[in-house]
Structure formats: structure tokens, C-alpha cells
Amino acid sequence: MNAYGRQLFTAVRFLLCTTLILGLAYPVLVFGLGQVIAPAQANGSIVSVDSEAVGSSLLAQPVTGVDFFYPRPSAVEWDPAGSSPSNFGPNQPALLESIAKNRAEVAAREKVAPDTVPIDALTASGSGLDPQISVAYAQLQRARVAGATGLGEAAVQELISKNTNNALVGFLGQPSVNTTTLNAALIQARRAR
């Protein structure tokens, strides 16, 4: 085999190897990891109740009334077209006023002392769209939702537990409750009664 033939043979072998590795093995590996690490993003995030789409598990839904769990406040009024934080700094009077207003509203709605309201009930998330709230904020709302829906506190507690996401890999972050999936589960539980 001459020098040209050896170079051609080497190039073809390299092409086949890189095609197998980068064209097949790597995409399959990334897809598999995506299924394990982030199934909602990999498989879609639509939340359905009785085959009817009611929201996305990745986006908070605005809530009014007393029979649902409230998400965090939103600087963009839960509009996904305008995802944004409030951009208030810790020393700005507007942030302090917003926190005081939210604290008074949550304390009145939940019938608790203002100093027991968790911080995530008072401030917007970085995107203004996150559906996760702390377990403490979900527990604060439990009695109100149980009374308004007639499901009872034990049933509502079970729904909170089923919609609580534990910390990533057991130590990154903290447990949180997805209000969109929790409220969908509430709808389903009420219809099943």
C-alpha cells in the first residue's frame, strides 16, 4: 500500500471512529443523563388534570382566592414573556416597602403573626416565574387550603409531601414544594371526592 492509500485508510478509520463516538455514543449518553437528572425538561413539563393541560411544572401560575397554594410573588406578574427579577437592591426603599406589604398580606391571609412569614413568601425569585416555595411556606398555607377545600389537613399534608422535591443529589439546595403540581393535585383530589 502506498503512502496515499495509508493516509486514506487512516482518514476513513478516524471518520468512522469519530462518527460512532460523537454521532452516536455522546448523544445517547447526554439524552440518558437528561432523563435521569432533569426529567421535566427532557420529557416536557405540561401538568394535566383529567387530560386537560392546566400549566407547566416549570412555571408558577397566578393564584387568587383561598383554596389554592400561593407561589412566590412575581416581579413580572407570572408572565413568561417577560421573565425578570425585581432588580431591587437590599438598601432600596422600594424593596423594603414591597417586603412589608407582602408580609402584611400573607399574615392576614394565613391568619398568623407577621414575623412567622417565610422570606420566600415576601420576595420574588430571580426569574419571577419559579413555582417552588419552601416547605415552611407550604405548611403555613396548609390550614387555610384544608379549610377552604374541605379535604382536611391530613389529606392536604399528604399532597404537600407528594409534591415536595428533595435537595438535588441529597445535599445541593433544600427541599421545595412545586405549587403548580400541588394545585393540580388539589383540583384532582377535589374532583375525586
Protein backbone atom coordinates (compact mmCIF):
# COMPACT_ATOMS: atom_id res chain seq x y z
CA MET A 1 0.00 0.00 0.00
CA ASN A 2 1.45 3.35 -0.96
CA ALA A 3 1.55 6.50 1.22
CA TYR A 4 -1.64 7.87 -0.33
CA GLY A 5 -3.54 4.64 0.43
CA ARG A 6 -2.33 4.61 4.06
CA GLN A 7 -3.45 8.22 4.57
CA LEU A 8 -6.84 7.50 3.02
CA PHE A 9 -7.28 4.38 5.20
CA THR A 10 -6.31 6.36 8.34
CA ALA A 11 -8.75 9.17 7.44
CA VAL A 12 -11.63 6.72 6.88
CA ARG A 13 -10.92 4.94 10.21
CA PHE A 14 -10.81 8.31 12.01
CA LEU A 15 -14.10 9.36 10.36
CA LEU A 16 -15.81 6.13 11.42
CA CYS A 17 -14.49 6.36 15.00
CA THR A 18 -15.49 9.99 15.48
CA THR A 19 -18.90 9.32 13.92
CA LEU A 20 -19.52 6.47 16.36
CA ILE A 21 -18.28 8.43 19.36
CA LEU A 22 -19.61 11.92 18.61
CA GLY A 23 -22.58 11.00 16.45
CA LEU A 24 -23.98 8.08 18.43
CA ALA A 25 -22.39 7.40 21.83
CA TYR A 26 -22.23 11.02 23.06
CA PRO A 27 -25.85 11.96 22.12
CA VAL A 28 -27.17 8.74 23.71
CA LEU A 29 -25.17 9.46 26.88
CA VAL A 30 -26.41 13.07 27.10
CA PHE A 31 -30.00 12.00 26.44
CA GLY A 32 -29.77 9.33 29.14
CA LEU A 33 -28.32 11.76 31.68
CA GLY A 34 -31.06 14.26 30.82
CA GLN A 35 -33.72 11.66 31.55
CA VAL A 36 -32.20 11.00 34.98
CA ILE A 37 -31.17 14.50 36.07
CA ALA A 38 -33.96 16.67 34.64
CA PRO A 39 -36.95 14.57 33.55
CA ALA A 40 -39.35 17.54 33.36
CA GLN A 41 -37.10 19.37 30.92
CA ALA A 42 -36.35 16.18 28.98
CA ASN A 43 -39.92 14.88 28.71
CA GLY A 44 -41.95 18.06 28.80
CA SER A 45 -43.41 19.93 31.72
CA ILE A 46 -47.11 20.13 30.94
CA VAL A 47 -49.27 19.46 34.00
CA SER A 48 -52.65 17.92 33.21
CA VAL A 49 -55.78 17.30 35.23
CA ASP A 50 -58.21 14.83 33.68
CA SER A 51 -56.36 15.08 30.33
CA GLU A 52 -56.68 18.87 30.31
CA ALA A 53 -53.49 20.96 30.38
CA VAL A 54 -53.53 23.32 33.37
CA GLY A 55 -49.97 24.62 33.41
CA SER A 56 -46.27 23.83 33.35
CA SER A 57 -44.34 22.31 36.23
CA LEU A 58 -41.56 24.78 35.43
CA LEU A 59 -43.69 27.95 35.71
CA ALA A 60 -45.68 29.39 38.59
CA GLN A 61 -49.34 30.13 37.98
CA PRO A 62 -51.09 33.19 39.42
CA VAL A 63 -53.50 32.29 42.22
CA THR A 64 -56.46 34.13 43.71
CA GLY A 65 -58.86 33.04 46.41
CA VAL A 66 -58.27 30.82 49.41
CA ASP A 67 -58.49 27.28 48.06
CA PHE A 68 -55.06 27.05 46.36
CA PHE A 69 -51.41 27.35 47.38
CA TYR A 70 -49.84 30.68 46.51
CA PRO A 71 -46.47 30.78 44.75
CA ARG A 72 -43.80 33.36 45.47
CA PRO A 73 -44.53 36.95 44.46
CA SER A 74 -43.60 37.75 40.87
CA ALA A 75 -41.94 40.90 39.58
CA VAL A 76 -43.43 40.17 36.13
CA GLU A 77 -46.92 39.07 37.25
CA TRP A 78 -46.11 35.47 36.20
CA ASP A 79 -45.84 36.44 32.50
CA PRO A 80 -43.30 34.07 30.89
CA ALA A 81 -42.70 36.54 28.05
CA GLY A 82 -41.06 38.94 30.49
CA SER A 83 -39.04 36.74 32.84
CA SER A 84 -37.11 39.06 35.14
CA PRO A 85 -36.23 39.72 38.77
CA SER A 86 -37.34 42.90 40.51
CA ASN A 87 -33.77 44.29 40.39
CA PHE A 88 -34.26 45.94 43.78
CA GLY A 89 -31.15 46.04 45.92
CA PRO A 90 -31.12 45.35 49.67
CA ASN A 91 -30.81 49.04 50.52
CA GLN A 92 -33.56 50.32 48.24
CA PRO A 93 -36.67 51.61 49.97
CA ALA A 94 -38.86 50.05 47.24
CA LEU A 95 -37.70 46.55 48.22
CA LEU A 96 -38.31 47.19 51.91
CA GLU A 97 -41.79 48.57 51.13
CA SER A 98 -42.59 45.56 48.94
CA ILE A 99 -41.48 43.13 51.67
CA ALA A 100 -43.54 44.94 54.31
CA LYS A 101 -46.62 44.96 52.05
CA ASN A 102 -46.25 41.26 51.17
CA ARG A 103 -45.66 40.34 54.83
CA ALA A 104 -48.87 42.10 55.90
CA GLU A 105 -50.89 40.47 53.07
CA VAL A 106 -49.61 36.95 53.75
CA ALA A 107 -50.02 37.29 57.53
CA ALA A 108 -53.62 38.48 57.08
CA ARG A 109 -54.48 35.77 54.53
CA GLU A 110 -52.96 32.97 56.63
CA LYS A 111 -54.06 34.46 59.99
CA VAL A 112 -50.55 34.29 61.51
CA ALA A 113 -48.16 36.72 63.13
CA PRO A 114 -46.17 38.73 60.55
CA ASP A 115 -42.83 37.55 61.96
CA THR A 116 -43.70 33.90 61.15
CA VAL A 117 -43.97 34.51 57.38
CA PRO A 118 -41.08 32.82 55.48
CA ILE A 119 -38.86 35.01 53.30
CA ASP A 120 -39.87 33.25 50.06
CA ALA A 121 -43.44 34.46 50.63
CA LEU A 122 -42.13 38.03 50.58
CA THR A 123 -39.63 38.21 47.72
CA ALA A 124 -39.74 37.27 44.04
CA SER A 125 -37.43 34.65 42.59
CA GLY A 126 -34.68 35.51 40.11
CA SER A 127 -36.94 34.79 37.14
CA GLY A 128 -40.22 35.83 38.73
CA LEU A 129 -41.67 32.55 37.43
CA ASP A 130 -40.37 29.81 39.73
CA PRO A 131 -43.16 27.55 41.03
CA GLN A 132 -41.12 26.30 44.01
CA ILE A 133 -41.79 27.50 47.52
CA SER A 134 -40.19 26.42 50.77
CA VAL A 135 -41.75 23.62 52.78
CA ALA A 136 -42.27 26.19 55.56
CA TYR A 137 -44.36 28.40 53.26
CA ALA A 138 -46.43 25.39 52.13
CA GLN A 139 -47.01 24.39 55.77
CA LEU A 140 -48.08 27.96 56.55
CA GLN A 141 -50.78 27.71 53.86
CA ARG A 142 -51.92 24.16 54.74
CA ALA A 143 -54.64 25.04 57.28
CA ARG A 144 -56.23 27.66 55.01
CA VAL A 145 -56.30 25.34 51.99
CA ALA A 146 -57.58 22.40 54.03
CA GLY A 147 -60.43 24.50 55.42
CA ALA A 148 -61.33 26.06 52.07
CA THR A 149 -61.29 22.81 50.10
CA GLY A 150 -62.83 20.61 52.79
CA LEU A 151 -60.15 17.96 52.21
CA GLY A 152 -58.83 18.03 55.77
CA GLU A 153 -55.31 18.79 56.95
CA ALA A 154 -54.07 15.19 56.73
CA ALA A 155 -55.06 14.90 53.06
CA VAL A 156 -53.55 18.29 52.23
CA GLN A 157 -50.36 17.35 54.10
CA GLU A 158 -50.13 14.18 52.01
CA LEU A 159 -50.43 16.25 48.82
CA ILE A 160 -47.70 18.60 50.06
CA SER A 161 -45.43 15.64 50.76
CA LYS A 162 -46.04 14.12 47.32
CA ASN A 163 -45.18 17.44 45.63
CA THR A 164 -42.04 18.13 47.67
CA ASN A 165 -38.80 17.88 45.71
CA ASN A 166 -35.82 16.91 47.82
CA ALA A 167 -32.43 18.55 47.52
CA LEU A 168 -30.54 17.71 44.33
CA VAL A 169 -28.17 14.77 44.91
CA GLY A 170 -29.13 14.84 48.59
CA PHE A 171 -27.04 17.86 49.58
CA LEU A 172 -27.35 20.62 46.95
CA GLY A 173 -30.16 23.04 47.71
CA GLN A 174 -33.05 22.43 50.03
CA PRO A 175 -36.42 20.70 49.72
CA SER A 176 -39.08 22.71 47.92
CA VAL A 177 -42.73 22.34 47.01
CA ASN A 178 -43.92 22.86 43.44
CA THR A 179 -47.10 24.96 43.68
CA THR A 180 -48.21 24.22 40.12
CA THR A 181 -48.20 20.45 40.54
CA LEU A 182 -49.57 20.78 44.10
CA ASN A 183 -52.52 22.91 42.95
CA ALA A 184 -53.20 20.44 40.10
CA ALA A 185 -53.22 17.62 42.66
CA LEU A 186 -55.67 19.65 44.77
CA ILE A 187 -58.02 20.00 41.79
CA GLN A 188 -57.80 16.27 41.16
CA ALA A 189 -58.43 15.41 44.82
CA ARG A 190 -61.45 17.67 44.96
CA ARG A 191 -62.92 16.18 41.79
CA ALA A 192 -62.36 12.67 43.14
CA ARG A 193 -64.44 13.40 46.26
